[in-house]
C-alpha atoms as a PDB file:
ATOM      1  CA  MET A   1      13.035 -29.016 -49.289  1.00  0.00           C
ATOM      2  CA  THR A   2      15.819 -29.745 -46.829  1.00  0.00           C
ATOM      3  CA  LYS A   3      15.161 -32.767 -44.588  1.00  0.00           C
ATOM      4  CA  ILE A   4      17.211 -32.844 -41.377  1.00  0.00           C
ATOM      5  CA  GLU A   5      17.317 -35.913 -39.098  1.00  0.00           C
ATOM      6  CA  VAL A   6      18.724 -35.734 -35.604  1.00  0.00           C
ATOM      7  CA  LEU A   7      19.328 -39.062 -33.864  1.00  0.00           C
ATOM      8  CA  ARG A   8      19.507 -39.345 -30.143  1.00  0.00           C
ATOM      9  CA  LYS A   9      20.494 -42.094 -27.756  1.00  0.00           C
ATOM     10  CA  LYS A  10      19.329 -41.651 -24.095  1.00  0.00           C
ATOM     11  CA  GLY A  11      18.435 -38.019 -24.898  1.00  0.00           C
ATOM     12  CA  ARG A  12      21.899 -37.141 -26.275  1.00  0.00           C
ATOM     13  CA  ILE A  13      22.491 -36.322 -29.926  1.00  0.00           C
ATOM     14  CA  VAL A  14      24.708 -38.867 -31.523  1.00  0.00           C
ATOM     15  CA  LYS A  15      24.209 -38.261 -35.274  1.00  0.00           C
ATOM     16  CA  TYR A  16      22.679 -35.767 -37.604  1.00  0.00           C
ATOM     17  CA  LYS A  17      22.249 -35.444 -41.375  1.00  0.00           C
ATOM     18  CA  ALA A  18      20.580 -33.153 -43.796  1.00  0.00           C
ATOM     19  CA  THR A  19      19.710 -33.878 -47.358  1.00  0.00           C
ATOM     20  CA  GLY A  20      18.339 -31.656 -50.144  1.00  0.00           C
ATOM     21  CA  HIS A  21      18.108 -28.006 -51.012  1.00  0.00           C
ATOM     22  CA  SER A  22      15.755 -25.546 -49.317  1.00  0.00           C
ATOM     23  CA  GLU A  23      14.591 -24.026 -52.687  1.00  0.00           C
ATOM     24  CA  TYR A  24      13.795 -20.753 -50.991  1.00  0.00           C
ATOM     25  CA  GLY A  25      15.850 -18.621 -53.414  1.00  0.00           C
ATOM     26  CA  GLU A  26      18.154 -18.832 -56.339  1.00  0.00           C
ATOM     27  CA  TYR A  27      21.277 -21.006 -55.959  1.00  0.00           C
ATOM     28  CA  GLY A  28      24.045 -18.906 -54.568  1.00  0.00           C
ATOM     29  CA  SER A  29      21.652 -16.376 -52.963  1.00  0.00           C
ATOM     30  CA  ASP A  30      19.342 -18.664 -50.917  1.00  0.00           C
ATOM     31  CA  ILE A  31      19.293 -17.241 -47.403  1.00  0.00           C
ATOM     32  CA  VAL A  32      17.591 -20.288 -45.928  1.00  0.00           C
ATOM     33  CA  CYS A  33      20.266 -22.566 -47.415  1.00  0.00           C
ATOM     34  CA  ALA A  34      22.985 -20.284 -46.084  1.00  0.00           C
ATOM     35  CA  ALA A  35      21.465 -20.315 -42.571  1.00  0.00           C
ATOM     36  CA  LEU A  36      21.125 -24.133 -42.664  1.00  0.00           C
ATOM     37  CA  SER A  37      24.577 -24.602 -43.854  1.00  0.00           C
ATOM     38  CA  THR A  38      25.999 -22.370 -41.036  1.00  0.00           C
ATOM     39  CA  ALA A  39      23.828 -24.104 -38.306  1.00  0.00           C
ATOM     40  CA  LEU A  40      24.779 -27.572 -39.474  1.00  0.00           C
ATOM     41  CA  GLN A  41      28.485 -26.920 -39.933  1.00  0.00           C
ATOM     42  CA  MET A  42      29.054 -24.860 -36.779  1.00  0.00           C
ATOM     43  CA  PRO A  43      29.165 -27.951 -34.342  1.00  0.00           C
ATOM     44  CA  LEU A  44      31.529 -29.724 -36.693  1.00  0.00           C
ATOM     45  CA  ALA A  45      33.864 -26.745 -36.767  1.00  0.00           C
ATOM     46  CA  GLY A  46      33.671 -26.455 -32.944  1.00  0.00           C
ATOM     47  CA  PHE A  47      34.501 -30.195 -32.519  1.00  0.00           C
ATOM     48  CA  GLN A  48      37.515 -29.983 -34.863  1.00  0.00           C
ATOM     49  CA  ASP A  49      38.981 -26.524 -34.363  1.00  0.00           C
ATOM     50  CA  VAL A  50      38.087 -25.839 -30.617  1.00  0.00           C
ATOM     51  CA  LEU A  51      37.755 -29.198 -28.964  1.00  0.00           C
ATOM     52  CA  ASP A  52      40.219 -31.289 -31.142  1.00  0.00           C
ATOM     53  CA  ILE A  53      37.635 -33.973 -31.707  1.00  0.00           C
ATOM     54  CA  TYR A  54      37.268 -35.481 -35.124  1.00  0.00           C
ATOM     55  CA  PRO A  55      33.907 -37.186 -35.765  1.00  0.00           C
ATOM     56  CA  LYS A  56      32.964 -39.248 -38.838  1.00  0.00           C
ATOM     57  CA  PHE A  57      31.445 -36.772 -41.318  1.00  0.00           C
ATOM     58  CA  GLU A  58      30.549 -36.251 -44.966  1.00  0.00           C
ATOM     59  CA  ILE A  59      29.712 -33.031 -46.776  1.00  0.00           C
ATOM     60  CA  ASN A  60      28.967 -32.498 -50.480  1.00  0.00           C
ATOM     61  CA  SER A  61      27.601 -29.713 -52.639  1.00  0.00           C
ATOM     62  CA  ASP A  62      24.353 -31.559 -53.283  1.00  0.00           C
ATOM     63  CA  GLY A  63      22.965 -30.321 -49.951  1.00  0.00           C
ATOM     64  CA  PHE A  64      24.167 -33.272 -47.935  1.00  0.00           C
ATOM     65  CA  ILE A  65      25.917 -33.356 -44.505  1.00  0.00           C
ATOM     66  CA  SER A  66      26.226 -36.203 -42.069  1.00  0.00           C
ATOM     67  CA  VAL A  67      27.904 -36.021 -38.736  1.00  0.00           C
ATOM     68  CA  ASP A  68      28.344 -39.125 -36.506  1.00  0.00           C
ATOM     69  CA  ILE A  69      29.746 -39.012 -32.875  1.00  0.00           C
ATOM     70  CA  ASP A  70      28.124 -42.309 -31.724  1.00  0.00           C
ATOM     71  CA  GLY A  71      30.547 -44.275 -29.609  1.00  0.00           C
ATOM     72  CA  MET A  72      33.422 -41.777 -29.948  1.00  0.00           C
ATOM     73  CA  GLU A  73      35.788 -40.863 -27.199  1.00  0.00           C
ATOM     74  CA  LEU A  74      34.903 -37.272 -26.401  1.00  0.00           C
ATOM     75  CA  LYS A  75      38.033 -36.644 -24.323  1.00  0.00           C
ATOM     76  CA  GLY A  76      36.083 -35.469 -21.254  1.00  0.00           C
ATOM     77  CA  ARG A  77      34.444 -32.837 -23.469  1.00  0.00           C
ATOM     78  CA  GLU A  78      30.974 -34.366 -23.428  1.00  0.00           C
ATOM     79  CA  ARG A  79      29.381 -31.183 -21.920  1.00  0.00           C
ATOM     80  CA  GLU A  80      30.863 -28.931 -24.694  1.00  0.00           C
ATOM     81  CA  VAL A  81      30.016 -31.381 -27.370  1.00  0.00           C
ATOM     82  CA  HIS A  82      26.499 -31.641 -26.362  1.00  0.00           C
ATOM     83  CA  ALA A  83      26.163 -27.891 -25.888  1.00  0.00           C
ATOM     84  CA  LEU A  84      27.236 -27.365 -29.422  1.00  0.00           C
ATOM     85  CA  LEU A  85      24.802 -29.929 -30.692  1.00  0.00           C
ATOM     86  CA  GLU A  86      21.761 -28.763 -28.613  1.00  0.00           C
ATOM     87  CA  SER A  87      22.455 -25.208 -29.689  1.00  0.00           C
ATOM     88  CA  MET A  88      22.353 -26.340 -33.386  1.00  0.00           C
ATOM     89  CA  VAL A  89      18.956 -27.940 -32.727  1.00  0.00           C
ATOM     90  CA  VAL A  90      17.681 -24.732 -31.174  1.00  0.00           C
ATOM     91  CA  VAL A  91      18.619 -22.807 -34.375  1.00  0.00           C
ATOM     92  CA  LEU A  92      17.207 -25.525 -36.675  1.00  0.00           C
ATOM     93  CA  LYS A  93      13.940 -25.591 -34.890  1.00  0.00           C
ATOM     94  CA  GLY A  94      13.569 -21.828 -35.280  1.00  0.00           C
ATOM     95  CA  LEU A  95      14.362 -22.069 -38.877  1.00  0.00           C
ATOM     96  CA  ALA A  96      11.973 -24.974 -39.439  1.00  0.00           C
ATOM     97  CA  GLU A  97       9.150 -22.974 -37.746  1.00  0.00           C
ATOM     98  CA  GLU A  98       9.892 -19.894 -39.873  1.00  0.00           C
ATOM     99  CA  TYR A  99      10.353 -21.753 -43.155  1.00  0.00           C
ATOM    100  CA  PRO A 100       7.978 -24.813 -43.002  1.00  0.00           C
ATOM    101  CA  LYS A 101       7.851 -25.174 -46.759  1.00  0.00           C
ATOM    102  CA  ASN A 102      11.565 -25.354 -46.965  1.00  0.00           C
ATOM    103  CA  ILE A 103      12.785 -27.313 -43.899  1.00  0.00           C
ATOM    104  CA  LYS A 104      11.544 -30.525 -42.306  1.00  0.00           C
ATOM    105  CA  LEU A 105      13.257 -31.361 -38.955  1.00  0.00           C
ATOM    106  CA  VAL A 106      12.808 -34.811 -37.569  1.00  0.00           C
ATOM    107  CA  GLU A 107      14.250 -35.887 -34.180  1.00  0.00           C
ATOM    108  CA  LYS A 108      14.383 -39.606 -33.448  1.00  0.00           C
ATOM    109  CA  GLU A 109      15.353 -41.495 -30.252  1.00  0.00           C
ATOM    110  CA  GLU A 110      17.217 -44.665 -30.795  1.00  0.00           C
ATOM    111  CA  ASN A 111      17.124 -47.546 -28.262  1.00  0.00           C
END
């Protein structure tokens, strides 16, 4: 199962991370894993390649991704950054509803 944690401060997403494999299909042909990878990496690509913003992040082949924008200077692009992140969450919620045995999505609000 893939566990995804989304951390918010004052309602805004500041960090997200995912761990584990979805175990829906065979390695290399797992459609749930592919969908999750795309959804989780899309904001990061948008930050870097479109907005020229470089958050702290880590990705490995063991099903782990962590992205942290907490306290970053967003160069006046707050609206775009948060649109990318909220769009990701919309996709993740849909996937978690469709594949509840393979994905657990947890959203937390930090004080």
